[in-house]
Amino acid sequence: MVLQLLLIWSLNALALVAVASFVPGIHVEGFFAAFVAAIVLGLVNALIRPVFLVLTLPVTIVTMGLFIFAINGLMFWFAGSILRDFVVDGFWHGVLGAVLYSIFSWALSSAASQLLARNHE
């Protein structure tokens, strides 16, 4: 259980480093900074994002769910504003970073799950 959590955390940090290499407005100062930023993003998404989702539900319904991209971008931008070694230059960089982070994180986690499943067979 602990090893699985560390693996997911490391993969999310790796995804964050990949996002920083693709988006010029996102800066991560090394893997340790990405490791810390990954946990902060996880906490922000677990604690603050649900409140925003509930408060903005009418806008999300009117925009047919597209406003969730704005919320994700704000959460990404917020995490970048509270950390020194993880910087997000603006809202639109946050939106693009959040989208890419989700895609990269999903792809890495999916690949890791498949590899672990093969090893247990």
Foldseek 3Di string as FASTA:
>chain_A
DVVVVVQLLLQLLVLLVVLCVVQVQKFADDSVSSSVLSVQLVCCCVPVLVVVCVVCVVVCVVVVNPCVLQSQLVSQQVSQVVDDRIHGRDSVSSSSSSVSSVVSSVVSVVVVVVVVVVVVD
